[in-house]
């Protein structure tokens, strides 16, 4: 049987942990269905419970190598560099050599895990780095959007650290995979290496179940935004909703609720008058997030930071919730056409409000957006196709 070795910082379970975890979890399932035997090495915190779940579902053999520790400077292939913030606290000096001779593919599943790339030997198959997105691009975008001198200094330091690491990694692996063409083009123009753009998949429930919740008021327009809320692009998007969009909706006299869907919301959001008045709903962690999103009338995504393809957008599209999004939110989803299957708002809050009000009062357009987006996801964004593309030789 052909074999794949996946190396990452943590067990890719549960899938809702973050975007990369979700991708690796679904890829492993698809590779198993195709006929590969999967072995996992993870490096940060031992997690027997998640090991058991992954073994039970996909017969994945997991090996924990404890590399947790702090190193300010890293040595990779004899070159010394300052540890980027993105790379978790791994004490790579503790890492032993890993024999990869029996594997057809070695998948490095996160940037932090690439720090032990020089410990791999007898790599006879393809070594593939699933980068998902470019950290250099993320930090450069953040740099241009802040006016703080201290933050600019911090971000410039990160850009120097992360770009040096990425340059080294891209040249050492056989292929680096990004989920968005935007990241692919950015990296291809700056670094040497073999790159591919491979859109992620999305798992859509066969039937969207309407949940019973006293917060879901009849006759009130329900807006939703989802994600892990302590991730900076998501928290910034929520702040924009709270400070810019909601006051303008109030001025227009719209009856609405804004649903912030996902874990790790800022405590101060629940202290706002909007929350006390019932206009702002903060769900916290949800087991059935798809079912909750299916109850929304419109999905809003004012993301202005970030990189990579956004699973949350594909998820809303597949469920059939019409979307109004920033340009960053829909990067890499080339099938989306402004005014045909979604609304794009980016430049001013007035643009956001005008697009929102236009969609709120046009039920025919809502249905058009919903049906067209569902069809796009069903035809173009399956996990099986995405998993197969990763293993294709360029």
Protein backbone atom coordinates (compact mmCIF):
# COMPACT_ATOMS: atom_id res chain seq x y z
CA UNK A 1 0.00 0.00 0.00
CA UNK A 2 1.24 3.51 -0.81
CA UNK A 3 2.03 5.65 2.23
CA UNK A 4 1.87 9.32 3.18
CA UNK A 5 3.68 10.90 6.14
CA UNK A 6 2.06 14.08 7.49
CA UNK A 7 4.21 16.27 9.76
CA UNK A 8 2.57 19.12 11.62
CA UNK A 9 2.56 20.89 14.98
CA UNK A 10 -0.67 19.43 16.31
CA UNK A 11 -3.10 16.62 15.62
CA UNK A 12 -5.47 17.77 12.84
CA UNK A 13 -8.54 17.12 14.95
CA UNK A 14 -11.11 18.45 15.72
CA UNK A 15 -11.43 20.08 12.30
CA UNK A 16 -12.99 23.29 13.66
CA UNK A 17 -9.73 24.14 15.46
CA UNK A 18 -8.54 26.38 12.60
CA UNK A 19 -8.46 26.56 8.82
CA UNK A 20 -5.28 24.53 8.29
CA UNK A 21 -6.45 21.83 10.71
CA UNK A 22 -9.74 21.63 8.83
CA UNK A 23 -7.92 21.22 5.51
CA UNK A 24 -5.52 18.54 6.77
CA UNK A 25 -8.35 16.63 8.46
CA UNK A 26 -10.35 16.49 5.23
CA UNK A 27 -7.29 15.72 3.09
CA UNK A 28 -6.36 12.79 5.33
CA UNK A 29 -9.87 11.39 5.00
CA UNK A 30 -9.78 11.71 1.21
CA UNK A 31 -6.28 10.23 0.89
CA UNK A 32 -7.42 7.30 3.02
CA UNK A 33 -10.42 6.76 0.73
CA UNK A 34 -8.13 6.85 -2.31
CA UNK A 35 -6.10 4.02 -0.79
CA UNK A 36 -3.13 5.56 1.03
CA UNK A 37 -1.88 4.46 4.42
CA UNK A 38 -1.40 7.57 6.59
CA UNK A 39 1.13 8.19 9.36
CA UNK A 40 1.20 11.39 11.40
CA UNK A 41 4.05 13.02 13.31
CA UNK A 42 3.16 16.00 15.47
CA UNK A 43 5.49 18.13 17.51
CA UNK A 44 3.93 20.49 20.03
CA UNK A 45 1.53 19.20 22.70
CA UNK A 46 0.59 15.55 23.14
CA UNK A 47 -3.11 15.01 22.55
CA UNK A 48 -4.15 11.40 23.16
CA UNK A 49 -7.84 12.18 22.73
CA UNK A 50 -7.42 13.61 19.23
CA UNK A 51 -4.99 10.80 18.35
CA UNK A 52 -7.68 8.29 19.29
CA UNK A 53 -10.37 10.06 17.24
CA UNK A 54 -8.16 10.24 14.14
CA UNK A 55 -7.15 6.58 14.56
CA UNK A 56 -10.79 5.57 14.98
CA UNK A 57 -11.99 7.48 11.91
CA UNK A 58 -9.14 7.02 9.44
CA UNK A 59 -6.78 4.40 10.95
CA UNK A 60 -4.03 7.03 11.21
CA UNK A 61 -0.99 5.99 13.21
CA UNK A 62 0.16 9.04 15.20
CA UNK A 63 3.61 9.64 16.70
CA UNK A 64 4.23 12.47 19.14
CA UNK A 65 7.73 13.97 19.18
CA UNK A 66 7.99 16.46 22.02
CA UNK A 67 9.81 19.50 20.66
CA UNK A 68 8.04 22.10 22.79
CA UNK A 69 10.52 24.71 23.96
CA UNK A 70 11.80 28.18 23.26
CA UNK A 71 14.55 29.15 20.85
CA UNK A 72 15.03 32.75 19.81
CA UNK A 73 17.37 31.77 17.02
CA UNK A 74 16.91 28.84 14.64
CA UNK A 75 19.49 26.90 12.69
CA UNK A 76 18.22 25.30 9.52
CA UNK A 77 20.58 23.73 6.97
CA UNK A 78 23.43 25.50 8.72
CA UNK A 79 21.89 28.97 8.37
CA UNK A 80 21.01 30.94 11.50
CA UNK A 81 17.96 33.21 11.63
CA UNK A 82 15.63 34.85 14.14
CA UNK A 83 12.49 32.82 14.90
CA UNK A 84 9.39 34.35 13.27
CA UNK A 85 6.33 34.77 15.43
CA UNK A 86 4.38 32.41 13.15
CA UNK A 87 6.62 29.49 14.08
CA UNK A 88 5.41 28.03 17.34
CA UNK A 89 7.81 27.49 20.21
CA UNK A 90 9.61 24.38 19.03
CA UNK A 91 13.04 23.46 20.32
CA UNK A 92 14.36 22.04 17.09
CA UNK A 93 17.71 21.14 18.65
CA UNK A 94 15.88 18.25 20.34
CA UNK A 95 14.72 16.82 17.00
CA UNK A 96 16.22 13.52 15.85
CA UNK A 97 16.52 12.30 12.27
CA UNK A 98 13.33 10.96 10.69
CA UNK A 99 13.62 8.17 8.13
CA UNK A 100 11.22 8.86 5.24
CA UNK A 101 12.29 6.05 2.93
CA UNK A 102 9.00 4.11 3.13
CA UNK A 103 6.75 7.04 2.18
CA UNK A 104 5.58 8.04 -1.28
CA UNK A 105 4.76 11.55 -0.03
CA UNK A 106 5.92 13.62 2.92
CA UNK A 107 3.45 16.43 3.63
CA UNK A 108 4.66 19.30 5.85
CA UNK A 109 1.37 20.63 7.19
CA UNK A 110 2.30 24.00 8.68
CA UNK A 111 5.06 26.60 8.63
CA UNK A 112 6.32 25.75 12.13
CA UNK A 113 6.89 22.11 11.21
CA UNK A 114 9.19 23.11 8.35
CA UNK A 115 11.81 23.94 10.99
CA UNK A 116 12.69 20.22 11.19
CA UNK A 117 12.94 19.83 7.43
CA UNK A 118 16.69 19.26 7.69
CA UNK A 119 16.02 16.28 10.02
CA UNK A 120 14.30 14.32 7.25
CA UNK A 121 16.48 11.81 5.43
CA UNK A 122 16.02 9.08 2.81
CA UNK A 123 13.22 11.10 1.25
CA UNK A 124 12.56 9.06 -1.88
CA UNK A 125 9.05 10.38 -2.58
CA UNK A 126 7.78 13.94 -3.03
CA UNK A 127 8.22 16.39 -0.15
CA UNK A 128 5.30 18.81 -0.26
CA UNK A 129 4.80 21.87 1.93
CA UNK A 130 1.10 22.66 2.40
CA UNK A 131 1.64 26.35 3.15
CA UNK A 132 -2.02 27.28 2.56
CA UNK A 133 -1.11 30.97 2.43
CA UNK A 134 1.93 33.24 2.47
CA UNK A 135 2.87 34.70 5.84
CA UNK A 136 5.10 37.24 4.13
CA UNK A 137 2.12 38.57 2.18
CA UNK A 138 0.00 38.69 5.33
CA UNK A 139 2.56 40.76 7.22
CA UNK A 140 3.18 43.08 4.29
CA UNK A 141 -0.54 43.76 4.03
CA UNK A 142 -0.73 44.39 7.76
CA UNK A 143 2.23 46.77 7.49
CA UNK A 144 0.47 48.93 4.90
CA UNK A 145 -2.73 49.15 6.95
CA UNK A 146 -1.38 50.40 10.27
CA UNK A 147 -0.39 53.92 11.27
CA UNK A 148 1.32 52.87 14.49
CA UNK A 149 5.10 53.39 14.40
CA UNK A 150 5.66 50.62 16.96
CA UNK A 151 3.47 48.18 15.07
CA UNK A 152 5.19 49.04 11.79
CA UNK A 153 8.54 48.28 13.43
CA UNK A 154 7.22 44.96 14.73
CA UNK A 155 5.71 44.01 11.37
CA UNK A 156 8.86 44.95 9.46
CA UNK A 157 10.84 42.66 11.77
CA UNK A 158 8.40 39.84 11.12
CA UNK A 159 8.57 40.38 7.36
CA UNK A 160 12.37 40.06 7.44
CA UNK A 161 12.23 36.89 9.59
CA UNK A 162 9.41 35.15 7.79
CA UNK A 163 10.57 35.94 4.25
CA UNK A 164 14.01 34.50 5.02
CA UNK A 165 12.43 31.29 6.32
CA UNK A 166 9.96 31.01 3.46
CA UNK A 167 12.69 31.56 0.87
CA UNK A 168 14.73 28.73 2.35
CA UNK A 169 11.80 26.31 2.65
CA UNK A 170 10.48 26.89 -0.88
CA UNK A 171 13.86 25.97 -2.34
CA UNK A 172 14.20 22.78 -0.27
CA UNK A 173 10.83 21.10 -0.87
CA UNK A 174 9.60 19.59 -4.13
CA UNK A 175 6.43 21.67 -4.17
CA UNK A 176 4.67 24.31 -2.07
CA UNK A 177 0.87 24.39 -2.21
CA UNK A 178 -1.23 27.52 -1.67
CA UNK A 179 -5.00 27.64 -1.56
CA UNK A 180 -5.35 30.95 -3.40
CA UNK A 181 -3.99 32.22 -6.71
CA UNK A 182 -3.32 35.56 -5.01
CA UNK A 183 -0.79 33.98 -2.64
CA UNK A 184 0.58 31.83 -5.48
CA UNK A 185 1.24 34.88 -7.69
CA UNK A 186 2.74 36.88 -4.80
CA UNK A 187 5.19 34.12 -3.89
CA UNK A 188 6.04 33.21 -7.49
CA UNK A 189 7.07 36.79 -8.18
CA UNK A 190 9.43 36.95 -5.18
CA UNK A 191 10.83 33.53 -4.42
CA UNK A 192 12.37 30.57 -6.22
CA UNK A 193 10.71 27.19 -5.98
CA UNK A 194 7.91 25.06 -7.39
CA UNK A 195 4.47 26.36 -6.48
CA UNK A 196 0.84 25.48 -7.13
CA UNK A 197 -2.52 27.06 -6.38
CA UNK A 198 -4.97 24.44 -5.15
CA UNK A 199 -8.40 25.65 -4.00
CA UNK A 200 -9.63 24.03 -0.80
CA UNK A 201 -12.84 22.07 -0.53
CA UNK A 202 -15.85 22.62 1.65
CA UNK A 203 -18.12 20.15 3.36
CA UNK A 204 -21.77 21.07 3.04
CA UNK A 205 -24.48 19.31 5.04
CA UNK A 206 -26.84 17.31 2.85
CA UNK A 207 -29.72 19.13 4.47
CA UNK A 208 -29.55 22.46 6.26
CA UNK A 209 -31.43 22.04 9.53
CA UNK A 210 -33.20 25.12 10.83
CA UNK A 211 -32.36 25.39 14.50
CA UNK A 212 -34.70 26.51 17.25
CA UNK A 213 -33.25 29.53 19.03
CA UNK A 214 -35.10 32.31 20.85
CA UNK A 215 -32.54 34.76 19.48
CA UNK A 216 -33.67 34.12 15.90
CA UNK A 217 -36.55 36.57 15.74
CA UNK A 218 -39.13 36.33 12.97
CA UNK A 219 -39.36 39.43 10.79
CA UNK A 220 -35.86 40.60 11.71
CA UNK A 221 -33.04 40.50 9.16
CA UNK A 222 -30.33 38.19 10.45
CA UNK A 223 -26.74 38.97 9.45
CA UNK A 224 -23.93 36.54 10.23
CA UNK A 225 -20.15 36.56 10.38
CA UNK A 226 -18.20 33.48 11.46
CA UNK A 227 -14.69 32.49 12.47
CA UNK A 228 -12.27 32.11 15.35
CA UNK A 229 -12.63 35.54 16.88
CA UNK A 230 -9.20 35.95 18.46
CA UNK A 231 -7.59 35.73 15.02
CA UNK A 232 -6.70 39.32 14.15
CA UNK A 233 -8.37 39.54 10.70
CA UNK A 234 -11.61 38.19 12.21
CA UNK A 235 -11.58 40.42 15.29
CA UNK A 236 -10.84 43.45 13.10
CA UNK A 237 -13.78 42.53 10.88
CA UNK A 238 -16.09 42.35 13.92
CA UNK A 239 -14.82 45.74 15.13
CA UNK A 240 -15.68 47.19 11.71
CA UNK A 241 -19.18 45.69 11.92
CA UNK A 242 -19.71 47.09 15.43
CA UNK A 243 -18.25 50.55 14.92
CA UNK A 244 -19.07 51.28 11.28
CA UNK A 245 -21.83 49.11 9.88
CA UNK A 246 -24.27 48.71 12.78
CA UNK A 247 -24.60 52.45 13.58
CA UNK A 248 -25.43 53.13 9.92
CA UNK A 249 -28.01 50.35 9.84
CA UNK A 250 -29.62 51.95 12.88
CA UNK A 251 -29.77 55.27 11.01
CA UNK A 252 -31.62 53.52 8.18
CA UNK A 253 -34.16 52.16 10.68
CA UNK A 254 -33.54 48.53 9.74
CA UNK A 255 -34.78 45.82 12.10
CA UNK A 256 -31.87 43.40 12.31
CA UNK A 257 -29.66 41.15 14.41
CA UNK A 258 -25.91 40.77 13.93
CA UNK A 259 -24.72 37.25 14.76
CA UNK A 260 -21.04 36.79 15.62
CA UNK A 261 -20.61 33.05 15.14
CA UNK A 262 -17.59 31.28 16.62
CA UNK A 263 -15.37 30.90 19.64
CA UNK A 264 -13.06 33.30 21.50
CA UNK A 265 -15.09 36.48 21.16
CA UNK A 266 -13.71 39.52 22.98
CA UNK A 267 -15.38 39.89 26.42
CA UNK A 268 -16.00 43.61 25.83
CA UNK A 269 -18.32 42.86 22.92
CA UNK A 270 -20.89 41.43 25.33
CA UNK A 271 -20.76 44.67 27.33
CA UNK A 272 -22.04 46.78 24.45
CA UNK A 273 -25.56 48.20 24.37
CA UNK A 274 -26.14 46.32 21.12
CA UNK A 275 -25.70 43.05 23.01
CA UNK A 276 -27.94 44.10 25.89
CA UNK A 277 -30.61 45.21 23.42
CA UNK A 278 -30.52 41.89 21.58
CA UNK A 279 -29.22 43.34 18.30
CA UNK A 280 -25.85 41.66 18.77
CA UNK A 281 -25.79 37.89 19.25
CA UNK A 282 -22.50 36.23 20.24
CA UNK A 283 -22.77 32.47 19.92
CA UNK A 284 -19.42 31.25 21.24
CA UNK A 285 -18.34 27.79 20.11
CA UNK A 286 -20.94 25.79 18.18
CA UNK A 287 -20.92 22.08 17.30
CA UNK A 288 -23.28 22.58 14.37
CA UNK A 289 -22.04 25.83 12.90
CA UNK A 290 -23.39 25.03 9.42
CA UNK A 291 -26.91 24.66 10.78
CA UNK A 292 -26.62 27.98 12.58
CA UNK A 293 -25.32 29.79 9.50
CA UNK A 294 -28.20 28.33 7.46
CA UNK A 295 -30.55 30.44 9.58
CA UNK A 296 -28.90 33.69 8.49
CA UNK A 297 -30.48 35.89 5.82
CA UNK A 298 -27.22 37.51 4.68
CA UNK A 299 -23.57 36.71 5.38
CA UNK A 300 -21.27 39.71 5.85
CA UNK A 301 -17.48 39.50 5.67
CA UNK A 302 -15.57 42.79 6.01
CA UNK A 303 -12.12 41.18 6.09
CA UNK A 304 -9.37 43.65 5.19
CA UNK A 305 -6.44 41.58 6.49
CA UNK A 306 -5.45 38.01 5.76
CA UNK A 307 -4.33 35.77 2.96
CA UNK A 308 -5.36 32.48 1.43
CA UNK A 309 -8.80 31.28 0.42
CA UNK A 310 -11.49 31.76 3.06
CA UNK A 311 -13.26 28.53 4.02
CA UNK A 312 -15.95 30.56 5.78
CA UNK A 313 -16.98 32.16 2.47
CA UNK A 314 -17.17 28.82 0.68
CA UNK A 315 -19.14 27.46 3.62
CA UNK A 316 -21.72 30.26 3.44
CA UNK A 317 -21.90 29.88 -0.35
CA UNK A 318 -22.44 26.13 -0.12
CA UNK A 319 -25.16 26.52 2.49
CA UNK A 320 -26.88 29.05 0.25
CA UNK A 321 -26.66 32.21 2.33
CA UNK A 322 -26.24 35.27 0.06
CA UNK A 323 -22.97 37.08 0.75
CA UNK A 324 -21.66 40.64 0.85
CA UNK A 325 -17.89 40.60 1.19
CA UNK A 326 -14.70 42.60 0.91
CA UNK A 327 -12.22 41.89 -1.86
CA UNK A 328 -9.86 40.13 0.55
CA UNK A 329 -12.68 37.84 1.67
CA UNK A 330 -13.23 36.36 -1.78
CA UNK A 331 -9.66 36.16 -3.06
CA UNK A 332 -9.08 32.98 -5.01
CA UNK A 333 -12.77 32.25 -5.58
CA UNK A 334 -12.67 33.17 -9.24
CA UNK A 335 -16.24 32.11 -10.00
CA UNK A 336 -17.68 34.99 -7.97
CA UNK A 337 -18.87 37.92 -10.09
CA UNK A 338 -19.97 41.19 -8.51
CA UNK A 339 -23.70 41.75 -8.85
CA UNK A 340 -24.28 38.32 -10.42
CA UNK A 341 -23.78 35.94 -7.51
CA UNK A 342 -22.58 38.21 -4.68
CA UNK A 343 -22.03 41.84 -3.70
CA UNK A 344 -18.56 43.23 -3.10
CA UNK A 345 -18.07 46.21 -0.80
CA UNK A 346 -14.64 47.51 0.06
CA UNK A 347 -13.94 51.20 -0.13
CA UNK A 348 -16.36 53.01 2.21
CA UNK A 349 -18.90 52.16 4.88
CA UNK A 350 -21.52 53.86 2.71
CA UNK A 351 -20.81 51.30 0.00
CA UNK A 352 -21.39 48.51 2.55
CA UNK A 353 -24.68 50.02 3.68
CA UNK A 354 -25.95 50.59 0.16
CA UNK A 355 -25.16 47.00 -0.85
CA UNK A 356 -26.74 45.64 2.34
CA UNK A 357 -29.94 47.64 1.90
CA UNK A 358 -30.16 46.69 -1.78
CA UNK A 359 -29.96 42.98 -0.96
CA UNK A 360 -32.23 43.18 2.09
CA UNK A 361 -35.13 44.49 0.01
CA UNK A 362 -34.61 42.34 -3.08
CA UNK A 363 -35.69 38.79 -2.28
CA UNK A 364 -35.36 37.77 -5.94
CA UNK A 365 -31.69 38.80 -5.89
CA UNK A 366 -31.18 36.97 -2.59
CA UNK A 367 -32.48 33.79 -4.19
CA UNK A 368 -30.32 34.32 -7.28
CA UNK A 369 -27.17 34.78 -5.17
CA UNK A 370 -28.04 31.74 -3.06
CA UNK A 371 -28.69 29.34 -5.94
CA UNK A 372 -25.70 30.43 -8.03
CA UNK A 373 -23.26 30.19 -5.12
CA UNK A 374 -24.50 26.77 -4.05
CA UNK A 375 -23.99 25.51 -7.60
CA UNK A 376 -20.43 26.89 -7.70
CA UNK A 377 -19.45 25.05 -4.52
CA UNK A 378 -21.12 21.80 -5.55
CA UNK A 379 -19.34 21.77 -8.93
CA UNK A 380 -15.93 23.27 -8.13
CA UNK A 381 -14.98 22.83 -4.48
CA UNK A 382 -14.91 19.21 -3.39
CA UNK A 383 -12.32 18.00 -0.85
CA UNK A 384 -11.68 14.87 -2.91
CA UNK A 385 -10.61 16.84 -5.99
CA UNK A 386 -8.48 19.17 -3.86
CA UNK A 387 -6.76 16.25 -2.08
CA UNK A 388 -5.95 14.57 -5.39
CA UNK A 389 -4.48 17.77 -6.85
CA UNK A 390 -2.01 18.14 -3.98
CA UNK A 391 -0.40 14.81 -4.91
CA UNK A 392 -0.15 15.60 -8.61
CA UNK A 393 3.36 16.18 -9.93
CA UNK A 394 3.96 19.54 -11.61
